[in-house]
């Protein structure tokens, strides 16, 4: 009990039960618990759900990427029917922030790709210039050898 209102939820997110509303029984026959939605269309709305459902994947489930919960009675009954204006504003702020963050990340990735391409092009130019410089030197050595062989007088 917290200030006279029974609570449910976890230690980090205590959810007050609605006053005067009886706790429904889920399909399992156990009393339900209150949960809060994270979905965009029902953001922060409270609902009743099966109290037997506590899913924390084991290390093995995480390793094999089996993150789906085990089957449960799937009882869900909504307590709140509308999103509070402050929750709607908060959600819109988070969505804007996420969109801006995504845009910044995409811009940074494009800039990094362009910079990488520029460095690769610069490296190709340096390699080509070095080959050309070496190529001229070797051609002149061959040319000198040919010229020497032509200058040898015949007996």
Protein backbone atom coordinates (compact mmCIF):
# COMPACT_ATOMS: atom_id res chain seq x y z
CA UNK A 1 0.00 0.00 0.00
CA UNK A 2 1.25 3.44 -0.89
CA UNK A 3 -0.67 6.44 0.43
CA UNK A 4 -3.75 4.27 0.83
CA UNK A 5 -3.82 3.10 -2.80
CA UNK A 6 -2.90 -0.53 -3.56
CA UNK A 7 -0.13 -0.79 -6.15
CA UNK A 8 0.94 -3.26 -8.75
CA UNK A 9 3.77 -3.28 -11.28
CA UNK A 10 7.46 -3.58 -10.50
CA UNK A 11 9.72 -1.72 -8.04
CA UNK A 12 10.81 0.74 -10.72
CA UNK A 13 7.39 1.58 -12.12
CA UNK A 14 4.68 1.44 -9.47
CA UNK A 15 1.25 1.65 -11.04
CA UNK A 16 -1.62 2.68 -8.77
CA UNK A 17 -4.71 0.55 -9.12
CA UNK A 18 -7.83 2.46 -10.10
CA UNK A 19 -9.91 3.22 -7.02
CA UNK A 20 -13.23 1.46 -6.74
CA UNK A 21 -12.48 -0.91 -9.60
CA UNK A 22 -12.44 -4.58 -8.65
CA UNK A 23 -9.41 -6.57 -9.77
CA UNK A 24 -10.62 -8.89 -12.54
CA UNK A 25 -9.70 -12.55 -12.73
CA UNK A 26 -7.81 -13.66 -15.82
CA UNK A 27 -8.53 -16.80 -17.83
CA UNK A 28 -6.14 -18.72 -15.53
CA UNK A 29 -8.42 -17.95 -12.59
CA UNK A 30 -5.83 -15.73 -10.85
CA UNK A 31 -6.18 -12.01 -10.08
CA UNK A 32 -4.78 -9.76 -12.79
CA UNK A 33 -2.04 -7.16 -12.49
CA UNK A 34 -1.84 -3.68 -13.98
CA UNK A 35 0.59 -3.05 -16.84
CA UNK A 36 1.35 0.01 -18.94
CA UNK A 37 1.46 -0.01 -22.74
CA UNK A 38 4.51 1.14 -24.72
CA UNK A 39 2.78 0.96 -28.10
CA UNK A 40 2.34 4.24 -29.98
CA UNK A 41 -1.45 4.02 -30.33
CA UNK A 42 -1.98 3.14 -26.62
CA UNK A 43 1.07 4.88 -25.13
CA UNK A 44 1.17 4.73 -21.30
CA UNK A 45 -2.41 3.47 -21.06
CA UNK A 46 -2.94 1.04 -18.21
CA UNK A 47 -4.51 -2.36 -18.68
CA UNK A 48 -5.19 -5.55 -16.74
CA UNK A 49 -3.11 -8.56 -17.73
CA UNK A 50 -2.39 -12.09 -16.51
CA UNK A 51 -0.37 -11.94 -13.29
CA UNK A 52 1.31 -15.25 -14.13
CA UNK A 53 3.06 -13.65 -17.06
CA UNK A 54 6.58 -12.69 -16.03
CA UNK A 55 8.93 -13.17 -18.95
CA UNK A 56 12.63 -12.67 -18.48
CA UNK A 57 14.50 -14.64 -21.16
CA UNK A 58 17.26 -16.92 -19.91
CA UNK A 59 20.85 -16.51 -21.07
CA UNK A 60 20.41 -19.49 -23.41
CA UNK A 61 17.24 -17.95 -24.91
CA UNK A 62 19.12 -14.71 -25.48
CA UNK A 63 22.03 -16.55 -27.08
CA UNK A 64 19.82 -18.41 -29.55
CA UNK A 65 17.69 -15.28 -30.03
CA UNK A 66 14.52 -16.92 -28.74
CA UNK A 67 13.03 -13.81 -27.20
CA UNK A 68 9.37 -14.69 -27.60
CA UNK A 69 7.57 -15.33 -24.33
CA UNK A 70 6.00 -18.65 -23.42
CA UNK A 71 2.26 -18.95 -24.05
CA UNK A 72 0.02 -17.45 -21.39
CA UNK A 73 -3.69 -16.89 -21.01
CA UNK A 74 -3.56 -13.68 -23.12
CA UNK A 75 -6.02 -11.83 -20.88
CA UNK A 76 -6.03 -8.08 -21.53
CA UNK A 77 -8.62 -5.58 -20.36
CA UNK A 78 -8.02 -1.86 -20.80
CA UNK A 79 -8.36 0.48 -17.82
CA UNK A 80 -7.49 3.74 -19.58
CA UNK A 81 -9.28 4.43 -22.83
CA UNK A 82 -7.51 7.64 -23.87
CA UNK A 83 -3.93 8.84 -23.89
CA UNK A 84 -3.34 11.71 -21.47
CA UNK A 85 -2.37 15.00 -23.21
CA UNK A 86 1.00 15.14 -21.40
CA UNK A 87 1.72 11.54 -22.43
CA UNK A 88 0.75 12.34 -26.03
CA UNK A 89 3.12 15.35 -26.00
CA UNK A 90 5.87 13.20 -24.52
CA UNK A 91 5.34 10.53 -27.15
CA UNK A 92 5.37 13.12 -29.96
CA UNK A 93 8.58 14.59 -28.54
CA UNK A 94 10.19 11.14 -28.45
CA UNK A 95 9.04 10.41 -32.01
CA UNK A 96 10.46 13.74 -33.24
CA UNK A 97 13.71 13.07 -31.38
CA UNK A 98 13.93 9.56 -32.86
CA UNK A 99 13.30 10.92 -36.38
CA UNK A 100 15.93 13.66 -35.93
CA UNK A 101 18.38 11.16 -34.48
CA UNK A 102 17.80 8.80 -37.42
CA UNK A 103 18.31 11.68 -39.85
CA UNK A 104 21.56 12.68 -38.11
CA UNK A 105 22.81 9.09 -38.21
CA UNK A 106 21.96 8.71 -41.90
CA UNK A 107 23.68 12.03 -42.67
CA UNK A 108 26.76 10.95 -40.72
CA UNK A 109 26.84 7.62 -42.55
CA UNK A 110 26.56 9.41 -45.92
CA UNK A 111 29.36 11.81 -44.93
CA UNK A 112 31.56 8.94 -43.75
CA UNK A 113 30.92 7.04 -46.99
CA UNK A 114 31.75 10.15 -49.05
CA UNK A 115 34.91 10.73 -47.00
CA UNK A 116 35.94 7.09 -47.45
CA UNK A 117 35.30 7.32 -51.20
CA UNK A 118 37.33 10.56 -51.33
CA UNK A 119 40.25 8.91 -49.49
CA UNK A 120 40.11 5.87 -51.78
CA UNK A 121 40.09 8.13 -54.86
CA UNK A 122 43.02 10.11 -53.45
CA UNK A 123 44.89 6.86 -52.80
CA UNK A 124 44.18 5.64 -56.35
CA UNK A 125 45.52 8.92 -57.74
CA UNK A 126 48.68 8.64 -55.64
CA UNK A 127 49.23 5.03 -56.76
CA UNK A 128 48.66 5.98 -60.40
CA UNK A 129 51.05 8.94 -60.12
CA UNK A 130 53.69 6.71 -58.50
CA UNK A 131 53.27 4.08 -61.22
CA UNK A 132 53.58 6.74 -63.89
CA UNK A 133 56.68 8.19 -62.25
CA UNK A 134 58.26 4.75 -61.96
CA UNK A 135 57.11 3.85 -65.45
CA UNK A 136 58.88 6.86 -66.99
CA UNK A 137 62.08 6.00 -65.19
CA UNK A 138 62.05 2.38 -66.34
CA UNK A 139 61.20 3.42 -69.90
CA UNK A 140 64.11 5.80 -69.97
CA UNK A 141 66.43 3.03 -68.68
CA UNK A 142 65.20 0.72 -71.45
CA UNK A 143 65.49 3.54 -73.93
CA UNK A 144 69.07 4.18 -72.80
CA UNK A 145 69.96 0.49 -73.21
CA UNK A 146 68.47 0.48 -76.71
CA UNK A 147 70.38 3.61 -77.59
CA UNK A 148 73.64 2.09 -76.30
CA UNK A 149 73.08 -1.09 -78.30
CA UNK A 150 72.52 0.98 -81.44
CA UNK A 151 75.71 3.01 -80.89
CA UNK A 152 77.97 -0.02 -80.80
CA UNK A 153 80.02 0.16 -84.01
CA UNK A 154 79.97 -2.86 -86.25
CA UNK A 155 83.33 -4.38 -87.25
